[in-house]
Amino acid sequence: MMTTKPLVVKKNGKRRRGKGFSREELKKAEINLKKALKLGIPVDLRRKTVHEANINAVKEFLGSQKTAAREPRKRRKSKS
């Protein structure tokens, strides 16, 4: 299972990996909180900032999940 982490801007302007995406970022990526948690997307309820790079990361993650879901599964051979 693939996961993604958001970028967070520190007070000195440097960027680092965050603990989770903000609610507003999820909303702009058109996914609700419950579905994000079900898919394994980390959510940080304390964050209020919105970064365009994080929105794009969530959309890219959702796109990769959809393509993975469309791939046909291998069928088992019957034992008869």
N, C-alpha and C. Protein backbone atom coordinates (compact mmCIF):
# COMPACT_ATOMS: atom_id res chain seq x y z
N MET A 1 0.84 -1.17 0.00
CA MET A 1 0.00 0.00 0.00
C MET A 1 0.89 1.24 0.00
N MET A 2 0.58 2.15 -0.88
CA MET A 2 1.37 3.36 -1.03
C MET A 2 0.74 4.48 -0.19
N THR A 3 1.55 5.24 0.52
CA THR A 3 1.03 6.38 1.26
C THR A 3 1.75 7.64 0.81
N THR A 4 1.20 8.77 1.19
CA THR A 4 1.78 10.04 0.81
C THR A 4 1.83 10.95 2.03
N LYS A 5 2.79 11.84 2.09
CA LYS A 5 2.93 12.77 3.20
C LYS A 5 2.93 14.20 2.64
N PRO A 6 2.36 15.14 3.38
CA PRO A 6 2.32 16.53 2.91
C PRO A 6 3.60 17.29 3.20
N LEU A 7 3.80 18.38 2.49
CA LEU A 7 4.89 19.30 2.78
C LEU A 7 4.35 20.41 3.68
N VAL A 8 5.11 20.76 4.70
CA VAL A 8 4.72 21.81 5.64
C VAL A 8 5.83 22.85 5.66
N VAL A 9 5.46 24.14 5.69
CA VAL A 9 6.44 25.21 5.73
C VAL A 9 6.66 25.61 7.18
N LYS A 10 7.92 25.56 7.62
CA LYS A 10 8.27 25.93 8.98
C LYS A 10 8.35 27.45 9.10
N LYS A 11 8.50 27.95 10.32
CA LYS A 11 8.55 29.39 10.57
C LYS A 11 9.71 30.08 9.88
N ASN A 12 10.82 29.37 9.72
CA ASN A 12 11.99 29.98 9.06
C ASN A 12 11.92 29.86 7.54
N GLY A 13 10.81 29.33 7.00
CA GLY A 13 10.63 29.24 5.56
C GLY A 13 11.07 27.92 4.96
N LYS A 14 11.71 27.07 5.76
CA LYS A 14 12.14 25.77 5.25
C LYS A 14 10.94 24.82 5.18
N ARG A 15 11.05 23.83 4.32
CA ARG A 15 9.97 22.86 4.16
C ARG A 15 10.37 21.53 4.78
N ARG A 16 9.39 20.83 5.30
CA ARG A 16 9.61 19.51 5.86
C ARG A 16 8.37 18.66 5.62
N ARG A 17 8.48 17.37 5.87
CA ARG A 17 7.34 16.47 5.75
C ARG A 17 6.42 16.65 6.95
N GLY A 18 5.13 16.75 6.70
CA GLY A 18 4.17 16.92 7.78
C GLY A 18 3.60 15.59 8.24
N LYS A 19 2.75 15.66 9.27
CA LYS A 19 2.13 14.45 9.80
C LYS A 19 0.88 14.06 9.02
N GLY A 20 0.23 15.06 8.40
CA GLY A 20 -0.98 14.76 7.65
C GLY A 20 -1.49 15.97 6.90
N PHE A 21 -2.46 15.75 6.04
CA PHE A 21 -3.05 16.82 5.24
C PHE A 21 -4.13 17.53 6.06
N SER A 22 -4.34 18.82 5.76
CA SER A 22 -5.38 19.58 6.46
C SER A 22 -6.73 19.25 5.85
N ARG A 23 -7.80 19.54 6.59
CA ARG A 23 -9.15 19.29 6.10
C ARG A 23 -9.44 20.08 4.83
N GLU A 24 -8.95 21.31 4.80
CA GLU A 24 -9.21 22.19 3.66
C GLU A 24 -8.51 21.65 2.40
N GLU A 25 -7.32 21.09 2.56
CA GLU A 25 -6.62 20.49 1.42
C GLU A 25 -7.40 19.30 0.87
N LEU A 26 -7.96 18.50 1.77
CA LEU A 26 -8.77 17.36 1.34
C LEU A 26 -10.03 17.83 0.63
N LYS A 27 -10.64 18.90 1.15
CA LYS A 27 -11.85 19.44 0.55
C LYS A 27 -11.59 19.94 -0.86
N LYS A 28 -10.46 20.62 -1.05
CA LYS A 28 -10.12 21.14 -2.38
C LYS A 28 -9.72 20.02 -3.33
N ALA A 29 -9.27 18.90 -2.80
CA ALA A 29 -8.96 17.73 -3.63
C ALA A 29 -10.19 16.87 -3.86
N GLU A 30 -11.34 17.32 -3.36
CA GLU A 30 -12.63 16.67 -3.54
C GLU A 30 -12.69 15.28 -2.94
N ILE A 31 -12.27 15.19 -1.68
CA ILE A 31 -12.37 13.93 -0.94
C ILE A 31 -12.77 14.28 0.48
N ASN A 32 -13.66 13.48 1.07
CA ASN A 32 -14.07 13.79 2.44
C ASN A 32 -13.16 13.08 3.45
N LEU A 33 -13.31 13.47 4.70
CA LEU A 33 -12.43 13.01 5.77
C LEU A 33 -12.50 11.49 5.94
N LYS A 34 -13.70 10.93 5.97
CA LYS A 34 -13.85 9.49 6.19
C LYS A 34 -13.21 8.67 5.07
N LYS A 35 -13.41 9.11 3.83
CA LYS A 35 -12.85 8.37 2.71
C LYS A 35 -11.33 8.46 2.73
N ALA A 36 -10.79 9.63 3.10
CA ALA A 36 -9.34 9.79 3.18
C ALA A 36 -8.75 8.82 4.21
N LEU A 37 -9.37 8.74 5.36
CA LEU A 37 -8.88 7.84 6.40
C LEU A 37 -9.00 6.38 5.96
N LYS A 38 -10.08 6.06 5.25
CA LYS A 38 -10.28 4.69 4.77
C LYS A 38 -9.22 4.30 3.75
N LEU A 39 -8.79 5.27 2.92
CA LEU A 39 -7.76 5.01 1.92
C LEU A 39 -6.35 5.04 2.49
N GLY A 40 -6.21 5.46 3.74
CA GLY A 40 -4.88 5.49 4.37
C GLY A 40 -4.16 6.81 4.18
N ILE A 41 -4.90 7.86 3.81
CA ILE A 41 -4.29 9.18 3.66
C ILE A 41 -4.21 9.81 5.05
N PRO A 42 -3.02 10.23 5.49
CA PRO A 42 -2.89 10.82 6.82
C PRO A 42 -3.57 12.19 6.89
N VAL A 43 -4.26 12.46 8.00
CA VAL A 43 -4.97 13.72 8.19
C VAL A 43 -4.51 14.33 9.51
N ASP A 44 -4.15 15.60 9.48
CA ASP A 44 -3.75 16.34 10.67
C ASP A 44 -4.85 17.36 10.95
N LEU A 45 -5.65 17.12 11.98
CA LEU A 45 -6.78 17.98 12.28
C LEU A 45 -6.37 19.34 12.82
N ARG A 46 -5.13 19.47 13.27
CA ARG A 46 -4.66 20.75 13.83
C ARG A 46 -4.24 21.74 12.75
N ARG A 47 -3.84 21.22 11.58
CA ARG A 47 -3.37 22.10 10.50
C ARG A 47 -4.52 22.87 9.87
N LYS A 48 -4.27 24.14 9.58
CA LYS A 48 -5.28 24.98 8.93
C LYS A 48 -4.79 25.52 7.58
N THR A 49 -3.51 25.34 7.28
CA THR A 49 -2.94 25.91 6.06
C THR A 49 -3.29 25.06 4.84
N VAL A 50 -3.27 25.72 3.69
CA VAL A 50 -3.56 25.04 2.43
C VAL A 50 -2.41 25.33 1.47
N HIS A 51 -1.78 24.27 0.98
CA HIS A 51 -0.69 24.41 0.01
C HIS A 51 -1.09 23.68 -1.26
N GLU A 52 -0.90 24.32 -2.38
CA GLU A 52 -1.28 23.77 -3.68
C GLU A 52 -0.53 22.46 -3.97
N ALA A 53 0.71 22.36 -3.55
CA ALA A 53 1.49 21.14 -3.77
C ALA A 53 0.85 19.94 -3.05
N ASN A 54 0.29 20.19 -1.87
CA ASN A 54 -0.35 19.12 -1.11
C ASN A 54 -1.66 18.68 -1.77
N ILE A 55 -2.40 19.64 -2.32
CA ILE A 55 -3.64 19.31 -3.02
C ILE A 55 -3.32 18.44 -4.23
N ASN A 56 -2.28 18.82 -4.96
CA ASN A 56 -1.87 18.04 -6.13
C ASN A 56 -1.39 16.65 -5.73
N ALA A 57 -0.72 16.54 -4.58
CA ALA A 57 -0.24 15.24 -4.11
C ALA A 57 -1.41 14.32 -3.78
N VAL A 58 -2.47 14.86 -3.17
CA VAL A 58 -3.64 14.05 -2.84
C VAL A 58 -4.33 13.60 -4.13
N LYS A 59 -4.48 14.52 -5.10
CA LYS A 59 -5.12 14.17 -6.36
C LYS A 59 -4.33 13.09 -7.10
N GLU A 60 -3.01 13.21 -7.09
CA GLU A 60 -2.17 12.21 -7.74
C GLU A 60 -2.30 10.85 -7.05
N PHE A 61 -2.36 10.87 -5.72
CA PHE A 61 -2.53 9.64 -4.95
C PHE A 61 -3.86 8.98 -5.28
N LEU A 62 -4.92 9.78 -5.37
CA LEU A 62 -6.24 9.24 -5.71
C LEU A 62 -6.24 8.65 -7.12
N GLY A 63 -5.57 9.32 -8.04
CA GLY A 63 -5.48 8.80 -9.40
C GLY A 63 -4.77 7.47 -9.47
N SER A 64 -3.70 7.34 -8.70
CA SER A 64 -2.96 6.07 -8.69
C SER A 64 -3.79 4.96 -8.03
N GLN A 65 -4.60 5.31 -7.05
CA GLN A 65 -5.47 4.33 -6.41
C GLN A 65 -6.54 3.83 -7.37
N LYS A 66 -7.09 4.75 -8.19
CA LYS A 66 -8.13 4.37 -9.14
C LYS A 66 -7.56 3.45 -10.21
N THR A 67 -6.35 3.73 -10.69
CA THR A 67 -5.77 2.86 -11.72
C THR A 67 -5.41 1.50 -11.14
N ALA A 68 -5.01 1.47 -9.87
CA ALA A 68 -4.69 0.19 -9.24
C ALA A 68 -5.97 -0.63 -9.04
N ALA A 69 -7.08 0.04 -8.78
CA ALA A 69 -8.34 -0.67 -8.57
C ALA A 69 -8.88 -1.22 -9.88
N ARG A 70 -8.55 -0.61 -11.01
CA ARG A 70 -9.05 -1.05 -12.31
C ARG A 70 -8.31 -2.26 -12.86
N GLU A 71 -7.11 -2.51 -12.40
CA GLU A 71 -6.33 -3.63 -12.92
C GLU A 71 -7.02 -4.94 -12.57
N PRO A 72 -7.18 -5.83 -13.54
CA PRO A 72 -7.86 -7.10 -13.25
C PRO A 72 -7.01 -7.98 -12.34
N ARG A 73 -7.68 -8.67 -11.49
CA ARG A 73 -6.98 -9.59 -10.60
C ARG A 73 -6.79 -10.93 -11.31
N LYS A 74 -5.75 -11.63 -10.93
CA LYS A 74 -5.50 -12.95 -11.52
C LYS A 74 -6.52 -13.94 -10.96
N ARG A 75 -7.08 -14.72 -11.86
CA ARG A 75 -8.07 -15.71 -11.42
C ARG A 75 -7.35 -17.01 -11.09
N ARG A 76 -7.84 -17.67 -10.10
CA ARG A 76 -7.29 -18.97 -9.74
C ARG A 76 -7.84 -20.05 -10.67
N LYS A 77 -7.04 -21.02 -10.89
CA LYS A 77 -7.51 -22.14 -11.69
C LYS A 77 -8.36 -23.05 -10.80
N SER A 78 -9.45 -23.52 -11.36
CA SER A 78 -10.30 -24.40 -10.58
C SER A 78 -9.61 -25.77 -10.44
N LYS A 79 -9.92 -26.44 -9.36
CA LYS A 79 -9.28 -27.73 -9.08
C LYS A 79 -10.02 -28.90 -9.69
N SER A 80 -11.05 -28.66 -10.48
CA SER A 80 -11.79 -29.77 -11.06
C SER A 80 -11.15 -30.35 -12.27
